[in-house]
């Protein structure tokens, strides 16, 4: 019997319209590249959730301005409902080496929705693939260094960040090599959907004003 009351629980699978869905546990999940919740906690109101996230951040990190703690807490909570909105911003920490920007974004990412952490060696195709499959919070560390040193980039990372913030434009079409029944090859267009929240760290600012305008930023400074 269908009711208007929604239930939240834990199960190994769920059946919808005669089709069974089970969790996809692959190497990205096993090795922590994609972080999932460890368990289902008790229901709490928004004010309590924000207070707990704020306490979690301040337990390990000292920020110069209280507004940055509030901003980080709100953004972490926002990532769990980001698909309800047509547009979204990115959360960015800037600072010199040793200022703790990477550590802070990793800390915030632990309470974000499906944080996806990648190394600087990750290709642009890797970023797009992760965004399409897991639809979580993508963390890109030291964006300016990655873009400057990557021969593959050619502005593709900037283009990814420009469209990832807009649901209606976050569809990247590429041609895929397909093997036909007769053994010959052909190319067909395929769409990669990359819309989602993003955590960024960098030293300076983006040269493209469009990319820069998508960032909620705060600066960190090295302290004794």
Protein backbone atom coordinates (compact mmCIF):
# COMPACT_ATOMS: atom_id res chain seq x y z
CA UNK A 1 0.00 0.00 0.00
CA UNK A 2 1.38 3.38 -1.00
CA UNK A 3 1.47 6.02 1.73
CA UNK A 4 2.70 9.60 1.93
CA UNK A 5 5.10 8.67 4.74
CA UNK A 6 8.68 8.03 3.67
CA UNK A 7 10.83 5.52 5.47
CA UNK A 8 14.59 5.61 5.96
CA UNK A 9 16.41 2.39 6.74
CA UNK A 10 19.28 0.03 5.92
CA UNK A 11 19.07 -2.84 3.44
CA UNK A 12 21.35 -4.90 1.20
CA UNK A 13 19.16 -4.16 -1.83
CA UNK A 14 15.99 -2.35 -2.88
CA UNK A 15 13.32 -3.48 -5.36
CA UNK A 16 11.72 -0.80 -7.56
CA UNK A 17 9.12 -1.73 -10.19
CA UNK A 18 10.32 -5.31 -10.31
CA UNK A 19 13.99 -4.41 -10.70
CA UNK A 20 16.52 -5.09 -7.93
CA UNK A 21 19.22 -2.53 -7.16
CA UNK A 22 22.34 -3.41 -5.15
CA UNK A 23 25.28 -1.22 -4.04
CA UNK A 24 28.22 -0.92 -6.43
CA UNK A 25 31.26 -1.67 -4.26
CA UNK A 26 34.31 -1.33 -6.52
CA UNK A 27 37.98 -0.49 -5.98
CA UNK A 28 37.22 3.24 -5.83
CA UNK A 29 35.04 2.59 -2.78
CA UNK A 30 37.31 -0.08 -1.25
CA UNK A 31 40.42 2.14 -1.35
CA UNK A 32 38.62 5.26 -0.15
CA UNK A 33 38.78 7.22 -3.41
CA UNK A 34 35.02 7.58 -2.99
CA UNK A 35 34.03 7.97 0.67
CA UNK A 36 30.63 6.67 1.77
CA UNK A 37 28.97 6.99 5.21
CA UNK A 38 29.93 4.25 7.65
CA UNK A 39 26.40 3.94 9.07
CA UNK A 40 22.99 5.60 9.34
CA UNK A 41 22.75 7.97 12.31
CA UNK A 42 19.74 9.19 14.22
CA UNK A 43 17.54 11.88 12.72
CA UNK A 44 18.48 15.45 13.69
CA UNK A 45 17.28 18.90 12.72
CA UNK A 46 19.30 21.27 10.57
CA UNK A 47 20.49 23.40 13.49
CA UNK A 48 21.91 20.37 15.31
CA UNK A 49 23.61 19.07 12.17
CA UNK A 50 25.28 22.42 11.51
CA UNK A 51 26.43 22.63 15.13
CA UNK A 52 27.99 19.15 14.97
CA UNK A 53 29.75 19.84 11.67
CA UNK A 54 31.08 23.13 13.02
CA UNK A 55 32.33 21.38 16.18
CA UNK A 56 34.00 18.71 14.04
CA UNK A 57 35.91 21.32 11.99
CA UNK A 58 36.98 23.48 14.94
CA UNK A 59 38.15 20.42 16.85
CA UNK A 60 41.00 20.03 14.35
CA UNK A 61 41.38 23.39 12.63
CA UNK A 62 41.72 27.05 13.65
CA UNK A 63 40.43 29.61 11.14
CA UNK A 64 40.96 33.35 11.37
CA UNK A 65 37.31 34.27 10.77
CA UNK A 66 34.29 32.56 12.26
CA UNK A 67 32.32 33.15 9.05
CA UNK A 68 34.62 30.70 7.24
CA UNK A 69 33.72 27.94 9.70
CA UNK A 70 30.03 28.66 9.16
CA UNK A 71 30.57 28.78 5.40
CA UNK A 72 32.33 25.41 5.39
CA UNK A 73 29.65 23.82 7.59
CA UNK A 74 26.83 25.09 5.40
CA UNK A 75 28.57 23.91 2.24
CA UNK A 76 29.12 20.41 3.65
CA UNK A 77 25.41 20.16 4.47
CA UNK A 78 24.47 21.59 1.07
CA UNK A 79 26.33 18.80 -0.77
CA UNK A 80 23.76 16.28 0.48
CA UNK A 81 20.91 18.06 -1.35
CA UNK A 82 22.79 19.75 -4.21
CA UNK A 83 20.73 17.98 -6.89
CA UNK A 84 17.66 19.97 -5.76
CA UNK A 85 19.21 23.13 -7.24
CA UNK A 86 19.92 24.20 -10.85
CA UNK A 87 23.18 25.99 -9.96
CA UNK A 88 25.83 25.56 -7.30
CA UNK A 89 29.09 27.19 -6.14
CA UNK A 90 32.46 25.64 -5.32
CA UNK A 91 34.17 25.90 -1.93
CA UNK A 92 37.79 27.02 -2.29
CA UNK A 93 40.65 27.42 0.20
CA UNK A 94 43.62 29.51 -0.93
CA UNK A 95 47.01 29.91 0.66
CA UNK A 96 50.76 29.44 0.45
CA UNK A 97 52.42 26.04 0.93
CA UNK A 98 52.10 24.93 4.54
CA UNK A 99 49.00 27.00 5.25
CA UNK A 100 46.85 23.89 5.66
CA UNK A 101 44.45 24.37 2.76
CA UNK A 102 44.59 20.74 1.63
CA UNK A 103 44.11 19.43 5.16
CA UNK A 104 41.12 21.70 5.70
CA UNK A 105 39.37 20.68 2.48
CA UNK A 106 39.97 17.00 3.27
CA UNK A 107 38.49 17.59 6.72
CA UNK A 108 35.39 19.31 5.31
CA UNK A 109 35.14 16.62 2.65
CA UNK A 110 34.77 13.90 5.29
CA UNK A 111 31.28 15.21 6.08
CA UNK A 112 30.35 16.04 2.48
CA UNK A 113 28.25 13.81 0.24
CA UNK A 114 30.41 11.08 -1.36
CA UNK A 115 33.72 12.94 -1.35
CA UNK A 116 35.89 11.84 -4.27
CA UNK A 117 39.60 12.44 -3.66
CA UNK A 118 42.08 12.21 -6.51
CA UNK A 119 45.81 12.71 -6.95
CA UNK A 120 47.47 15.26 -9.21
CA UNK A 121 48.16 12.49 -11.73
CA UNK A 122 44.44 12.03 -12.39
CA UNK A 123 43.49 12.81 -15.98
CA UNK A 124 40.69 15.14 -17.04
CA UNK A 125 38.84 12.07 -18.30
CA UNK A 126 39.24 10.61 -14.80
CA UNK A 127 37.64 13.68 -13.21
CA UNK A 128 34.73 13.52 -15.64
CA UNK A 129 34.27 9.78 -15.18
CA UNK A 130 34.20 10.04 -11.38
CA UNK A 131 31.68 12.87 -11.52
CA UNK A 132 29.43 10.94 -13.92
CA UNK A 133 29.41 7.61 -12.09
CA UNK A 134 29.39 8.57 -8.41
CA UNK A 135 27.69 12.01 -8.56
CA UNK A 136 29.43 13.12 -5.39
CA UNK A 137 31.63 15.93 -4.09
CA UNK A 138 34.80 16.19 -6.16
CA UNK A 139 37.97 17.45 -4.45
CA UNK A 140 40.70 18.86 -6.69
CA UNK A 141 43.89 19.78 -4.84
CA UNK A 142 46.19 22.61 -6.03
CA UNK A 143 44.18 23.37 -9.15
CA UNK A 144 46.51 26.05 -10.49
CA UNK A 145 49.55 23.74 -10.36
CA UNK A 146 47.62 20.90 -11.97
CA UNK A 147 46.44 23.07 -14.84
CA UNK A 148 49.87 24.59 -15.43
CA UNK A 149 51.80 21.30 -15.45
CA UNK A 150 49.38 19.07 -17.34
CA UNK A 151 50.09 18.65 -21.06
CA UNK A 152 46.68 17.04 -21.46
CA UNK A 153 44.71 19.92 -19.99
CA UNK A 154 44.59 22.51 -22.81
CA UNK A 155 41.86 24.34 -20.93
CA UNK A 156 39.77 21.18 -20.39
CA UNK A 157 39.92 21.45 -16.60
CA UNK A 158 38.73 25.05 -16.74
CA UNK A 159 35.94 24.02 -19.12
CA UNK A 160 34.94 21.19 -16.75
CA UNK A 161 34.73 23.59 -13.81
CA UNK A 162 32.72 26.09 -15.83
CA UNK A 163 29.98 23.62 -16.77
CA UNK A 164 30.01 21.49 -13.59
CA UNK A 165 28.28 24.29 -11.69
CA UNK A 166 25.20 24.42 -13.97
CA UNK A 167 22.82 21.45 -14.17
CA UNK A 168 21.46 22.24 -17.64
CA UNK A 169 24.92 22.71 -19.15
CA UNK A 170 26.82 19.97 -17.31
CA UNK A 171 26.49 17.49 -20.17
CA UNK A 172 29.76 16.74 -21.97
CA UNK A 173 29.34 14.86 -25.25
CA UNK A 174 32.22 12.76 -26.60
CA UNK A 175 32.50 10.17 -29.35
CA UNK A 176 32.85 6.55 -28.19
CA UNK A 177 34.40 3.75 -30.24
CA UNK A 178 31.79 0.97 -30.62
CA UNK A 179 32.37 -2.54 -31.98
CA UNK A 180 29.54 -3.61 -34.30
CA UNK A 181 28.21 -7.15 -34.73
CA UNK A 182 30.12 -7.60 -38.00
CA UNK A 183 33.44 -6.87 -36.30
CA UNK A 184 33.88 -3.35 -37.67
CA UNK A 185 34.17 -0.20 -35.59
CA UNK A 186 32.05 2.90 -35.55
CA UNK A 187 31.74 6.02 -33.38
CA UNK A 188 28.67 7.03 -31.42
CA UNK A 189 28.10 10.09 -29.23
CA UNK A 190 27.88 9.50 -25.49
CA UNK A 191 27.01 11.98 -22.73
CA UNK A 192 28.92 12.42 -19.47
CA UNK A 193 26.93 14.28 -16.78
CA UNK A 194 29.33 16.19 -14.50
CA UNK A 195 27.06 18.42 -12.36
CA UNK A 196 28.03 18.46 -8.69
CA UNK A 197 29.70 20.21 -5.72
CA UNK A 198 33.46 20.69 -5.68
CA UNK A 199 36.17 21.42 -3.11
CA UNK A 200 39.19 23.29 -4.48
CA UNK A 201 42.58 24.36 -3.18
CA UNK A 202 44.92 26.71 -4.99
CA UNK A 203 47.54 29.41 -4.47
CA UNK A 204 45.95 32.26 -6.42
CA UNK A 205 42.93 32.88 -8.63
CA UNK A 206 41.59 31.61 -11.94
CA UNK A 207 42.40 33.74 -14.97
CA UNK A 208 38.95 33.07 -16.39
CA UNK A 209 36.43 35.34 -14.60
CA UNK A 210 33.65 32.80 -15.27
CA UNK A 211 35.50 30.08 -13.33
CA UNK A 212 36.50 32.55 -10.61
CA UNK A 213 32.89 33.66 -10.09
CA UNK A 214 31.85 30.11 -9.21
CA UNK A 215 34.04 29.97 -6.08
CA UNK A 216 33.19 30.70 -2.45
CA UNK A 217 36.71 31.46 -1.24
CA UNK A 218 38.66 32.14 1.91
CA UNK A 219 42.39 32.59 2.44
CA UNK A 220 44.57 30.67 4.89
CA UNK A 221 47.83 31.81 6.43
CA UNK A 222 50.65 29.83 7.98
CA UNK A 223 50.79 30.09 11.77
CA UNK A 224 53.20 28.93 14.46
